[in-house]
Amino acid sequence: MLVVDDEARLADLFAAWLGSEWTVETAYDGEEALEKMADTVEIVLLDRRMPGLSGDEVLSEIRDAGYASRVVMVTAVDPDFDIIEMGFDDYLVKPVSKNDLSEIVDNVLARSEYAADIQEYYSLVSKRALLEAEKSERELEENEEYLELADRIEELGSRVDETVSKMDDHEEFVGAFKDLKQG
């Protein structure tokens, strides 16, 4: 995780709050954030208003570079219509509590896992349908790979259903489908 905020004490506080569950790097300006970006960064907590390279510019650079990291804007800037075209995954207005920060990280990760699971699920269902159209029932029942495929589809289907049932509010649900659309 990468926490980016020009208020060093706040960035360090966020890092301390999340450090028990994550390996957390901090950056105190946009340039440093881009230097520390790597494919291993799963989540970026990014302030919008920073001197020099703004959070909006950092976000644009992260997306242009093709990083798959989830980006949560954690900022004192109230959202306006300019956010519509921005490529962030969620938005949190300061001040934030430890609980707010942990919850948004968990939600963004759950949506990310859901998106990956649903994409794999539909890919496997497509393969199963293709095989079922081309092979006899007996051939399918005797093929170990097909049986493993069917088991994996059932497992993923259950996991997707469980994730959807945990998405307890409308915003989380909409966010998960937004992630799918972007993916």
N, C-alpha and C. Protein backbone atom coordinates (compact mmCIF):
# COMPACT_ATOMS: atom_id res chain seq x y z
N MET A 1 0.85 -1.16 0.00
CA MET A 1 0.00 0.00 0.00
C MET A 1 0.90 1.23 0.00
N LEU A 2 0.45 2.26 -0.71
CA LEU A 2 1.19 3.51 -0.77
C LEU A 2 0.27 4.63 -0.31
N VAL A 3 0.68 5.35 0.74
CA VAL A 3 -0.07 6.49 1.26
C VAL A 3 0.64 7.75 0.79
N VAL A 4 -0.12 8.60 0.07
CA VAL A 4 0.46 9.81 -0.49
C VAL A 4 -0.27 11.02 0.05
N ASP A 5 0.45 11.83 0.82
CA ASP A 5 -0.14 13.05 1.38
C ASP A 5 1.00 14.01 1.72
N ASP A 6 0.84 15.29 1.37
CA ASP A 6 1.87 16.27 1.66
C ASP A 6 1.92 16.63 3.14
N GLU A 7 0.89 16.28 3.89
CA GLU A 7 0.91 16.44 5.34
C GLU A 7 1.55 15.18 5.91
N ALA A 8 2.86 15.26 6.18
CA ALA A 8 3.64 14.08 6.58
C ALA A 8 3.06 13.40 7.81
N ARG A 9 2.62 14.19 8.80
CA ARG A 9 2.07 13.57 10.01
C ARG A 9 0.81 12.77 9.72
N LEU A 10 0.00 13.27 8.81
CA LEU A 10 -1.22 12.55 8.45
C LEU A 10 -0.90 11.27 7.67
N ALA A 11 0.02 11.37 6.71
CA ALA A 11 0.44 10.19 5.95
C ALA A 11 1.00 9.13 6.90
N ASP A 12 1.82 9.57 7.85
CA ASP A 12 2.41 8.63 8.81
C ASP A 12 1.34 8.02 9.72
N LEU A 13 0.33 8.83 10.09
CA LEU A 13 -0.77 8.31 10.90
C LEU A 13 -1.55 7.24 10.14
N PHE A 14 -1.89 7.51 8.89
CA PHE A 14 -2.60 6.52 8.07
C PHE A 14 -1.76 5.24 7.95
N ALA A 15 -0.47 5.41 7.73
CA ALA A 15 0.43 4.25 7.61
C ALA A 15 0.44 3.45 8.90
N ALA A 16 0.45 4.14 10.04
CA ALA A 16 0.44 3.45 11.33
C ALA A 16 -0.87 2.70 11.53
N TRP A 17 -1.99 3.33 11.16
CA TRP A 17 -3.29 2.69 11.30
C TRP A 17 -3.38 1.40 10.48
N LEU A 18 -2.81 1.42 9.29
CA LEU A 18 -2.95 0.28 8.37
C LEU A 18 -1.76 -0.68 8.41
N GLY A 19 -0.71 -0.29 9.12
CA GLY A 19 0.53 -1.05 9.13
C GLY A 19 0.45 -2.43 9.75
N SER A 20 -0.55 -2.67 10.60
CA SER A 20 -0.65 -4.00 11.20
C SER A 20 -1.14 -5.04 10.21
N GLU A 21 -1.85 -4.59 9.16
CA GLU A 21 -2.38 -5.53 8.16
C GLU A 21 -1.68 -5.43 6.81
N TRP A 22 -0.94 -4.37 6.60
CA TRP A 22 -0.35 -4.10 5.30
C TRP A 22 1.11 -3.70 5.42
N THR A 23 1.85 -3.91 4.34
CA THR A 23 3.14 -3.28 4.20
C THR A 23 2.85 -1.93 3.58
N VAL A 24 3.18 -0.86 4.29
CA VAL A 24 2.78 0.48 3.87
C VAL A 24 4.00 1.34 3.62
N GLU A 25 4.01 1.95 2.44
CA GLU A 25 5.02 2.97 2.08
C GLU A 25 4.33 4.31 2.16
N THR A 26 5.10 5.36 2.43
CA THR A 26 4.54 6.70 2.42
C THR A 26 5.31 7.56 1.43
N ALA A 27 4.59 8.51 0.86
CA ALA A 27 5.20 9.52 -0.02
C ALA A 27 4.57 10.85 0.37
N TYR A 28 5.41 11.88 0.42
CA TYR A 28 4.95 13.17 0.91
C TYR A 28 4.73 14.19 -0.20
N ASP A 29 4.83 13.76 -1.44
CA ASP A 29 4.48 14.60 -2.58
C ASP A 29 4.28 13.72 -3.80
N GLY A 30 3.76 14.32 -4.86
CA GLY A 30 3.43 13.56 -6.06
C GLY A 30 4.62 12.92 -6.75
N GLU A 31 5.72 13.63 -6.81
CA GLU A 31 6.93 13.09 -7.45
C GLU A 31 7.41 11.83 -6.73
N GLU A 32 7.46 11.91 -5.40
CA GLU A 32 7.89 10.77 -4.60
C GLU A 32 6.93 9.59 -4.77
N ALA A 33 5.65 9.92 -4.88
CA ALA A 33 4.64 8.86 -5.08
C ALA A 33 4.93 8.09 -6.37
N LEU A 34 5.20 8.81 -7.44
CA LEU A 34 5.47 8.14 -8.72
C LEU A 34 6.77 7.35 -8.67
N GLU A 35 7.75 7.84 -7.92
CA GLU A 35 9.01 7.10 -7.77
C GLU A 35 8.78 5.78 -7.03
N LYS A 36 7.85 5.78 -6.08
CA LYS A 36 7.59 4.59 -5.26
C LYS A 36 6.54 3.66 -5.87
N MET A 37 5.88 4.09 -6.93
CA MET A 37 4.87 3.22 -7.57
C MET A 37 5.54 1.99 -8.14
N ALA A 38 4.88 0.87 -7.97
CA ALA A 38 5.38 -0.40 -8.50
C ALA A 38 4.18 -1.31 -8.73
N ASP A 39 4.39 -2.36 -9.50
CA ASP A 39 3.31 -3.32 -9.76
C ASP A 39 2.85 -4.01 -8.49
N THR A 40 3.68 -4.00 -7.46
CA THR A 40 3.33 -4.67 -6.20
C THR A 40 2.41 -3.82 -5.32
N VAL A 41 2.23 -2.55 -5.66
CA VAL A 41 1.34 -1.68 -4.86
C VAL A 41 -0.09 -2.03 -5.22
N GLU A 42 -0.83 -2.54 -4.24
CA GLU A 42 -2.23 -2.93 -4.48
C GLU A 42 -3.18 -1.76 -4.33
N ILE A 43 -2.92 -0.90 -3.34
CA ILE A 43 -3.81 0.23 -3.06
C ILE A 43 -2.98 1.49 -2.85
N VAL A 44 -3.46 2.58 -3.45
CA VAL A 44 -2.86 3.89 -3.23
C VAL A 44 -3.91 4.75 -2.54
N LEU A 45 -3.55 5.32 -1.41
CA LEU A 45 -4.39 6.31 -0.74
C LEU A 45 -3.78 7.66 -1.12
N LEU A 46 -4.54 8.48 -1.85
CA LEU A 46 -3.96 9.64 -2.53
C LEU A 46 -4.70 10.92 -2.20
N ASP A 47 -3.94 11.91 -1.71
CA ASP A 47 -4.49 13.24 -1.45
C ASP A 47 -4.56 13.97 -2.79
N ARG A 48 -5.59 14.76 -2.99
CA ARG A 48 -5.74 15.50 -4.25
C ARG A 48 -4.93 16.79 -4.27
N ARG A 49 -4.97 17.54 -3.18
CA ARG A 49 -4.38 18.87 -3.17
C ARG A 49 -2.99 18.81 -2.54
N MET A 50 -1.99 18.81 -3.41
CA MET A 50 -0.60 18.81 -2.95
C MET A 50 0.17 19.81 -3.80
N PRO A 51 1.19 20.45 -3.20
CA PRO A 51 2.01 21.36 -4.00
C PRO A 51 2.81 20.55 -5.04
N GLY A 52 3.16 21.21 -6.12
CA GLY A 52 3.89 20.52 -7.18
C GLY A 52 2.93 19.66 -7.98
N LEU A 53 3.21 18.37 -8.02
CA LEU A 53 2.37 17.42 -8.75
C LEU A 53 1.15 17.09 -7.89
N SER A 54 -0.03 17.47 -8.35
CA SER A 54 -1.26 17.24 -7.57
C SER A 54 -1.65 15.76 -7.58
N GLY A 55 -2.55 15.42 -6.68
CA GLY A 55 -3.06 14.05 -6.64
C GLY A 55 -3.78 13.67 -7.92
N ASP A 56 -4.49 14.64 -8.53
CA ASP A 56 -5.16 14.38 -9.80
C ASP A 56 -4.14 13.98 -10.87
N GLU A 57 -3.00 14.70 -10.89
CA GLU A 57 -1.95 14.40 -11.87
C GLU A 57 -1.29 13.06 -11.58
N VAL A 58 -1.07 12.77 -10.30
CA VAL A 58 -0.49 11.48 -9.91
C VAL A 58 -1.42 10.35 -10.35
N LEU A 59 -2.71 10.51 -10.10
CA LEU A 59 -3.69 9.51 -10.51
C LEU A 59 -3.63 9.28 -12.01
N SER A 60 -3.59 10.34 -12.77
CA SER A 60 -3.51 10.24 -14.22
C SER A 60 -2.25 9.49 -14.66
N GLU A 61 -1.13 9.81 -14.02
CA GLU A 61 0.14 9.12 -14.34
C GLU A 61 0.07 7.63 -14.00
N ILE A 62 -0.54 7.31 -12.86
CA ILE A 62 -0.67 5.91 -12.45
C ILE A 62 -1.49 5.14 -13.49
N ARG A 63 -2.60 5.70 -13.91
CA ARG A 63 -3.45 5.04 -14.90
C ARG A 63 -2.77 4.96 -16.26
N ASP A 64 -2.11 6.05 -16.67
CA ASP A 64 -1.41 6.07 -17.97
C ASP A 64 -0.28 5.04 -18.01
N ALA A 65 0.36 4.81 -16.86
CA ALA A 65 1.45 3.83 -16.80
C ALA A 65 0.94 2.40 -16.79
N GLY A 66 -0.37 2.23 -16.61
CA GLY A 66 -0.96 0.90 -16.68
C GLY A 66 -0.93 0.11 -15.38
N TYR A 67 -0.67 0.78 -14.27
CA TYR A 67 -0.70 0.06 -12.99
C TYR A 67 -2.12 -0.40 -12.69
N ALA A 68 -2.23 -1.60 -12.14
CA ALA A 68 -3.54 -2.15 -11.80
C ALA A 68 -3.95 -1.80 -10.37
N SER A 69 -3.19 -0.98 -9.71
CA SER A 69 -3.46 -0.59 -8.32
C SER A 69 -4.83 0.05 -8.19
N ARG A 70 -5.46 -0.20 -7.05
CA ARG A 70 -6.69 0.49 -6.71
C ARG A 70 -6.29 1.83 -6.10
N VAL A 71 -7.01 2.89 -6.46
CA VAL A 71 -6.68 4.21 -5.94
C VAL A 71 -7.89 4.77 -5.21
N VAL A 72 -7.66 5.16 -3.96
CA VAL A 72 -8.69 5.80 -3.15
C VAL A 72 -8.21 7.23 -2.89
N MET A 73 -9.00 8.19 -3.32
CA MET A 73 -8.69 9.58 -3.04
C MET A 73 -9.11 9.83 -1.59
N VAL A 74 -8.15 10.25 -0.76
CA VAL A 74 -8.42 10.58 0.63
C VAL A 74 -8.01 12.03 0.77
N THR A 75 -9.00 12.91 0.74
CA THR A 75 -8.70 14.32 0.53
C THR A 75 -9.70 15.23 1.23
N ALA A 76 -9.28 16.47 1.43
CA ALA A 76 -10.18 17.48 1.99
C ALA A 76 -10.98 18.17 0.90
N VAL A 77 -10.73 17.82 -0.36
CA VAL A 77 -11.44 18.42 -1.48
C VAL A 77 -12.80 17.75 -1.63
N ASP A 78 -13.86 18.54 -1.44
CA ASP A 78 -15.20 17.99 -1.63
C ASP A 78 -15.38 17.60 -3.10
N PRO A 79 -16.02 16.48 -3.35
CA PRO A 79 -16.19 16.05 -4.74
C PRO A 79 -17.08 17.01 -5.53
N ASP A 80 -16.71 17.21 -6.78
CA ASP A 80 -17.48 18.02 -7.69
C ASP A 80 -17.58 17.25 -9.00
N PHE A 81 -18.19 17.84 -10.00
CA PHE A 81 -18.41 17.14 -11.26
C PHE A 81 -17.12 16.72 -11.95
N ASP A 82 -16.00 17.33 -11.59
CA ASP A 82 -14.73 16.96 -12.20
C ASP A 82 -14.33 15.52 -11.89
N ILE A 83 -14.93 14.92 -10.87
CA ILE A 83 -14.56 13.54 -10.51
C ILE A 83 -15.09 12.51 -11.50
N ILE A 84 -16.05 12.91 -12.32
CA ILE A 84 -16.70 11.95 -13.22
C ILE A 84 -15.69 11.26 -14.12
N GLU A 85 -14.75 11.99 -14.65
CA GLU A 85 -13.78 11.42 -15.59
C GLU A 85 -12.51 10.89 -14.91
N MET A 86 -12.42 11.01 -13.60
CA MET A 86 -11.22 10.58 -12.89
C MET A 86 -11.23 9.07 -12.68
N GLY A 87 -10.07 8.45 -12.77
CA GLY A 87 -9.97 7.00 -12.69
C GLY A 87 -9.70 6.43 -11.31
N PHE A 88 -10.28 7.00 -10.28
CA PHE A 88 -10.09 6.44 -8.95
C PHE A 88 -11.15 5.38 -8.67
N ASP A 89 -10.90 4.59 -7.61
CA ASP A 89 -11.82 3.51 -7.25
C ASP A 89 -12.78 3.90 -6.13
N ASP A 90 -12.39 4.85 -5.31
CA ASP A 90 -13.28 5.35 -4.27
C ASP A 90 -12.76 6.69 -3.79
N TYR A 91 -13.58 7.38 -3.01
CA TYR A 91 -13.30 8.76 -2.62
C TYR A 91 -13.71 8.93 -1.17
N LEU A 92 -12.81 9.44 -0.36
CA LEU A 92 -13.08 9.63 1.06
C LEU A 92 -12.69 11.07 1.42
N VAL A 93 -13.62 11.81 2.00
CA VAL A 93 -13.36 13.20 2.36
C VAL A 93 -12.85 13.28 3.80
N LYS A 94 -11.71 13.98 3.97
CA LYS A 94 -11.14 14.19 5.29
C LYS A 94 -12.04 15.12 6.08
N PRO A 95 -12.04 15.03 7.38
CA PRO A 95 -11.23 14.12 8.21
C PRO A 95 -11.79 12.70 8.18
N VAL A 96 -10.91 11.74 8.34
CA VAL A 96 -11.33 10.33 8.34
C VAL A 96 -10.85 9.67 9.63
N SER A 97 -11.59 8.70 10.06
CA SER A 97 -11.21 7.92 11.25
C SER A 97 -10.47 6.66 10.81
N LYS A 98 -9.85 6.03 11.75
CA LYS A 98 -9.18 4.76 11.48
C LYS A 98 -10.18 3.76 10.92
N ASN A 99 -11.37 3.73 11.50
CA ASN A 99 -12.42 2.82 11.06
C ASN A 99 -12.84 3.11 9.62
N ASP A 100 -13.03 4.41 9.29
CA ASP A 100 -13.39 4.79 7.92
C ASP A 100 -12.34 4.30 6.92
N LEU A 101 -11.08 4.51 7.28
CA LEU A 101 -9.99 4.15 6.38
C LEU A 101 -9.91 2.63 6.18
N SER A 102 -9.99 1.90 7.28
CA SER A 102 -9.95 0.43 7.19
C SER A 102 -11.14 -0.10 6.39
N GLU A 103 -12.31 0.47 6.62
CA GLU A 103 -13.51 0.02 5.93
C GLU A 103 -13.42 0.26 4.42
N ILE A 104 -12.92 1.42 4.01
CA ILE A 104 -12.85 1.70 2.58
C ILE A 104 -11.82 0.81 1.90
N VAL A 105 -10.70 0.54 2.59
CA VAL A 105 -9.69 -0.37 2.04
C VAL A 105 -10.29 -1.76 1.87
N ASP A 106 -10.99 -2.23 2.88
CA ASP A 106 -11.63 -3.56 2.80
C ASP A 106 -12.65 -3.62 1.66
N ASN A 107 -13.46 -2.56 1.52
CA ASN A 107 -14.48 -2.53 0.47
C ASN A 107 -13.87 -2.54 -0.93
N VAL A 108 -12.84 -1.74 -1.11
CA VAL A 108 -12.19 -1.68 -2.43
C VAL A 108 -11.56 -3.03 -2.76
N LEU A 109 -10.95 -3.67 -1.78
CA LEU A 109 -10.36 -4.99 -2.01
C LEU A 109 -11.43 -6.04 -2.31
N ALA A 110 -12.52 -5.99 -1.58
CA ALA A 110 -13.61 -6.95 -1.83
C ALA A 110 -14.15 -6.79 -3.25
N ARG A 111 -14.31 -5.55 -3.68
CA ARG A 111 -14.80 -5.32 -5.05
C ARG A 111 -13.79 -5.82 -6.07
N SER A 112 -12.53 -5.64 -5.79
CA SER A 112 -11.48 -6.11 -6.70
C SER A 112 -11.50 -7.62 -6.81
N GLU A 113 -11.61 -8.30 -5.67
CA GLU A 113 -11.68 -9.76 -5.68
C GLU A 113 -12.94 -10.24 -6.38
N TYR A 114 -14.05 -9.55 -6.16
CA TYR A 114 -15.31 -9.89 -6.81
C TYR A 114 -15.17 -9.79 -8.32
N ALA A 115 -14.55 -8.71 -8.79
CA ALA A 115 -14.37 -8.52 -10.23
C ALA A 115 -13.54 -9.65 -10.83
N ALA A 116 -12.46 -10.01 -10.16
CA ALA A 116 -11.61 -11.10 -10.66
C ALA A 116 -12.38 -12.43 -10.65
N ASP A 117 -13.11 -12.69 -9.57
CA ASP A 117 -13.87 -13.93 -9.47
C ASP A 117 -14.95 -14.01 -10.57
N ILE A 118 -15.66 -12.93 -10.78
CA ILE A 118 -16.76 -12.96 -11.76
C ILE A 118 -16.21 -13.13 -13.17
N GLN A 119 -15.08 -12.50 -13.46
CA GLN A 119 -14.48 -12.67 -14.78
C GLN A 119 -14.03 -14.11 -15.00
N GLU A 120 -13.39 -14.69 -13.98
CA GLU A 120 -12.97 -16.09 -14.11
C GLU A 120 -14.19 -17.00 -14.22
N TYR A 121 -15.22 -16.73 -13.44
CA TYR A 121 -16.44 -17.53 -13.46
C TYR A 121 -17.04 -17.57 -14.87
N TYR A 122 -17.22 -16.42 -15.49
CA TYR A 122 -17.82 -16.40 -16.82
C TYR A 122 -16.93 -17.02 -17.88
N SER A 123 -15.63 -16.90 -17.71
CA SER A 123 -14.70 -17.56 -18.63
C SER A 123 -14.85 -19.08 -18.54
N LEU A 124 -14.92 -19.59 -17.31
CA LEU A 124 -15.06 -21.04 -17.13
C LEU A 124 -16.43 -21.55 -17.57
N VAL A 125 -17.48 -20.78 -17.32
CA VAL A 125 -18.82 -21.18 -17.76
C VAL A 125 -18.86 -21.25 -19.28
N SER A 126 -18.19 -20.33 -19.93
CA SER A 126 -18.13 -20.35 -21.40
C SER A 126 -17.42 -21.61 -21.90
N LYS A 127 -16.32 -21.97 -21.25
CA LYS A 127 -15.58 -23.18 -21.64
C LYS A 127 -16.44 -24.42 -21.43
N ARG A 128 -17.16 -24.44 -20.31
CA ARG A 128 -18.03 -25.59 -20.03
C ARG A 128 -19.12 -25.70 -21.11
N ALA A 129 -19.73 -24.58 -21.45
CA ALA A 129 -20.79 -24.59 -22.47
C ALA A 129 -20.25 -25.08 -23.81
N LEU A 130 -19.05 -24.67 -24.14
CA LEU A 130 -18.43 -25.11 -25.39
C LEU A 130 -18.22 -26.62 -25.39
N LEU A 131 -17.68 -27.13 -24.29
CA LEU A 131 -17.45 -28.58 -24.18
C LEU A 131 -18.77 -29.35 -24.21
N GLU A 132 -19.78 -28.83 -23.53
CA GLU A 132 -21.07 -29.52 -23.49
C GLU A 132 -21.74 -29.54 -24.85
N ALA A 133 -21.44 -28.56 -25.68
CA ALA A 133 -22.00 -28.52 -27.03
C ALA A 133 -21.29 -29.50 -27.96
N GLU A 134 -20.04 -29.81 -27.65
CA GLU A 134 -19.22 -30.62 -28.55
C GLU A 134 -19.04 -32.08 -28.11
N LYS A 135 -19.20 -32.34 -26.84
CA LYS A 135 -18.91 -33.68 -26.31
C LYS A 135 -20.19 -34.34 -25.81
N SER A 136 -20.16 -35.66 -25.80
CA SER A 136 -21.32 -36.40 -25.27
C SER A 136 -21.30 -36.33 -23.74
N GLU A 137 -22.46 -36.61 -23.17
CA GLU A 137 -22.57 -36.59 -21.72
C GLU A 137 -21.61 -37.61 -21.10
N ARG A 138 -21.48 -38.74 -21.74
CA ARG A 138 -20.60 -39.79 -21.24
C ARG A 138 -19.14 -39.33 -21.27
N GLU A 139 -18.72 -38.69 -22.38
CA GLU A 139 -17.35 -38.19 -22.46
C GLU A 139 -17.07 -37.17 -21.35
N LEU A 140 -18.05 -36.33 -21.11
CA LEU A 140 -17.89 -35.31 -20.07
C LEU A 140 -17.77 -35.95 -18.69
N GLU A 141 -18.64 -36.90 -18.40
CA GLU A 141 -18.64 -37.55 -17.09
C GLU A 141 -17.37 -38.34 -16.83
N GLU A 142 -16.69 -38.77 -17.88
CA GLU A 142 -15.48 -39.57 -17.73
C GLU A 142 -14.19 -38.74 -17.78
N ASN A 143 -14.32 -37.45 -18.02
CA ASN A 143 -13.13 -36.61 -18.15
C ASN A 143 -12.85 -35.86 -16.84
N GLU A 144 -11.68 -36.14 -16.26
CA GLU A 144 -11.29 -35.54 -14.97
C GLU A 144 -11.18 -34.01 -15.07
N GLU A 145 -10.63 -33.51 -16.16
CA GLU A 145 -10.49 -32.06 -16.32
C GLU A 145 -11.85 -31.36 -16.37
N TYR A 146 -12.80 -31.98 -17.06
CA TYR A 146 -14.15 -31.42 -17.12
C TYR A 146 -14.79 -31.40 -15.73
N LEU A 147 -14.62 -32.48 -14.98
CA LEU A 147 -15.19 -32.56 -13.64
C LEU A 147 -14.56 -31.51 -12.71
N GLU A 148 -13.25 -31.29 -12.85
CA GLU A 148 -12.58 -30.25 -12.06
C GLU A 148 -13.09 -28.87 -12.47
N LEU A 149 -13.34 -28.68 -13.76
CA LEU A 149 -13.89 -27.43 -14.25
C LEU A 149 -15.27 -27.17 -13.62
N ALA A 150 -16.09 -28.18 -13.60
CA ALA A 150 -17.43 -28.05 -13.02
C ALA A 150 -17.34 -27.71 -11.53
N ASP A 151 -16.40 -28.35 -10.82
CA ASP A 151 -16.21 -28.06 -9.39
C ASP A 151 -15.75 -26.62 -9.18
N ARG A 152 -14.84 -26.15 -10.03
CA ARG A 152 -14.31 -24.78 -9.92
C ARG A 152 -15.43 -23.77 -10.18
N ILE A 153 -16.29 -24.07 -11.15
CA ILE A 153 -17.41 -23.17 -11.45
C ILE A 153 -18.34 -23.09 -10.24
N GLU A 154 -18.62 -24.23 -9.64
CA GLU A 154 -19.50 -24.25 -8.46
C GLU A 154 -18.88 -23.46 -7.31
N GLU A 155 -17.57 -23.66 -7.09
CA GLU A 155 -16.87 -22.95 -6.02
C GLU A 155 -16.89 -21.44 -6.26
N LEU A 156 -16.58 -21.02 -7.48
CA LEU A 156 -16.59 -19.59 -7.79
C LEU A 156 -17.99 -19.00 -7.69
N GLY A 157 -18.98 -19.74 -8.16
CA GLY A 157 -20.36 -19.27 -8.06
C GLY A 157 -20.76 -19.02 -6.62
N SER A 158 -20.36 -19.91 -5.73
CA SER A 158 -20.66 -19.75 -4.31
C SER A 158 -19.94 -18.54 -3.74
N ARG A 159 -18.68 -18.36 -4.14
CA ARG A 159 -17.89 -17.23 -3.63
C ARG A 159 -18.47 -15.90 -4.11
N VAL A 160 -18.89 -15.85 -5.38
CA VAL A 160 -19.50 -14.64 -5.92
C VAL A 160 -20.79 -14.33 -5.18
N ASP A 161 -21.62 -15.35 -4.97
CA ASP A 161 -22.88 -15.16 -4.23
C ASP A 161 -22.62 -14.66 -2.82
N GLU A 162 -21.62 -15.22 -2.16
CA GLU A 162 -21.28 -14.82 -0.80
C GLU A 162 -20.81 -13.36 -0.77
N THR A 163 -19.99 -12.98 -1.74
CA THR A 163 -19.50 -11.60 -1.80
C THR A 163 -20.65 -10.63 -2.02
N VAL A 164 -21.57 -10.97 -2.92
CA VAL A 164 -22.71 -10.10 -3.17
C VAL A 164 -23.56 -9.96 -1.92
N SER A 165 -23.74 -11.03 -1.17
CA SER A 165 -24.55 -10.95 0.04
C SER A 165 -23.88 -10.08 1.10
N LYS A 166 -22.55 -9.97 1.07
CA LYS A 166 -21.84 -9.13 2.03
C LYS A 166 -21.88 -7.66 1.64
N MET A 167 -22.15 -7.38 0.40
CA MET A 167 -22.22 -5.99 -0.05
C MET A 167 -23.53 -5.42 0.45
N ASP A 168 -23.43 -4.81 1.63
CA ASP A 168 -24.64 -4.44 2.34
C ASP A 168 -25.22 -3.09 1.96
N ASP A 169 -24.53 -2.33 1.16
CA ASP A 169 -25.17 -1.08 0.77
C ASP A 169 -25.08 -0.89 -0.74
N HIS A 170 -25.94 -0.08 -1.23
CA HIS A 170 -26.08 0.14 -2.67
C HIS A 170 -24.79 0.63 -3.31
N GLU A 171 -24.07 1.54 -2.63
CA GLU A 171 -22.84 2.09 -3.20
C GLU A 171 -21.80 1.01 -3.42
N GLU A 172 -21.65 0.09 -2.47
CA GLU A 172 -20.70 -0.99 -2.62
C GLU A 172 -21.05 -1.86 -3.82
N PHE A 173 -22.32 -2.16 -3.96
CA PHE A 173 -22.78 -3.00 -5.06
C PHE A 173 -22.53 -2.32 -6.41
N VAL A 174 -22.90 -1.05 -6.49
CA VAL A 174 -22.68 -0.28 -7.72
C VAL A 174 -21.18 -0.18 -8.02
N GLY A 175 -20.39 0.03 -6.97
CA GLY A 175 -18.94 0.11 -7.15
C GLY A 175 -18.35 -1.17 -7.71
N ALA A 176 -18.85 -2.30 -7.27
CA ALA A 176 -18.35 -3.58 -7.76
C ALA A 176 -18.65 -3.74 -9.25
N PHE A 177 -19.84 -3.34 -9.67
CA PHE A 177 -20.17 -3.46 -11.08
C PHE A 177 -19.43 -2.43 -11.91
N LYS A 178 -19.13 -1.26 -11.34
CA LYS A 178 -18.31 -0.26 -12.04
C LYS A 178 -16.93 -0.84 -12.29
N ASP A 179 -16.38 -1.56 -11.29
CA ASP A 179 -15.08 -2.20 -11.44
C ASP A 179 -15.11 -3.20 -12.58
N LEU A 180 -16.19 -3.97 -12.70
CA LEU A 180 -16.31 -4.96 -13.78
C LEU A 180 -16.31 -4.28 -15.14
N LYS A 181 -17.04 -3.18 -15.23
CA LYS A 181 -17.15 -2.46 -16.49
C LYS A 181 -15.80 -1.93 -16.93
N GLN A 182 -14.99 -1.44 -15.97
CA GLN A 182 -13.67 -0.89 -16.29
C GLN A 182 -12.69 -1.99 -16.63
N GLY A 183 -12.89 -3.19 -16.08
CA GLY A 183 -11.95 -4.28 -16.24
C GLY A 183 -11.99 -4.87 -17.56
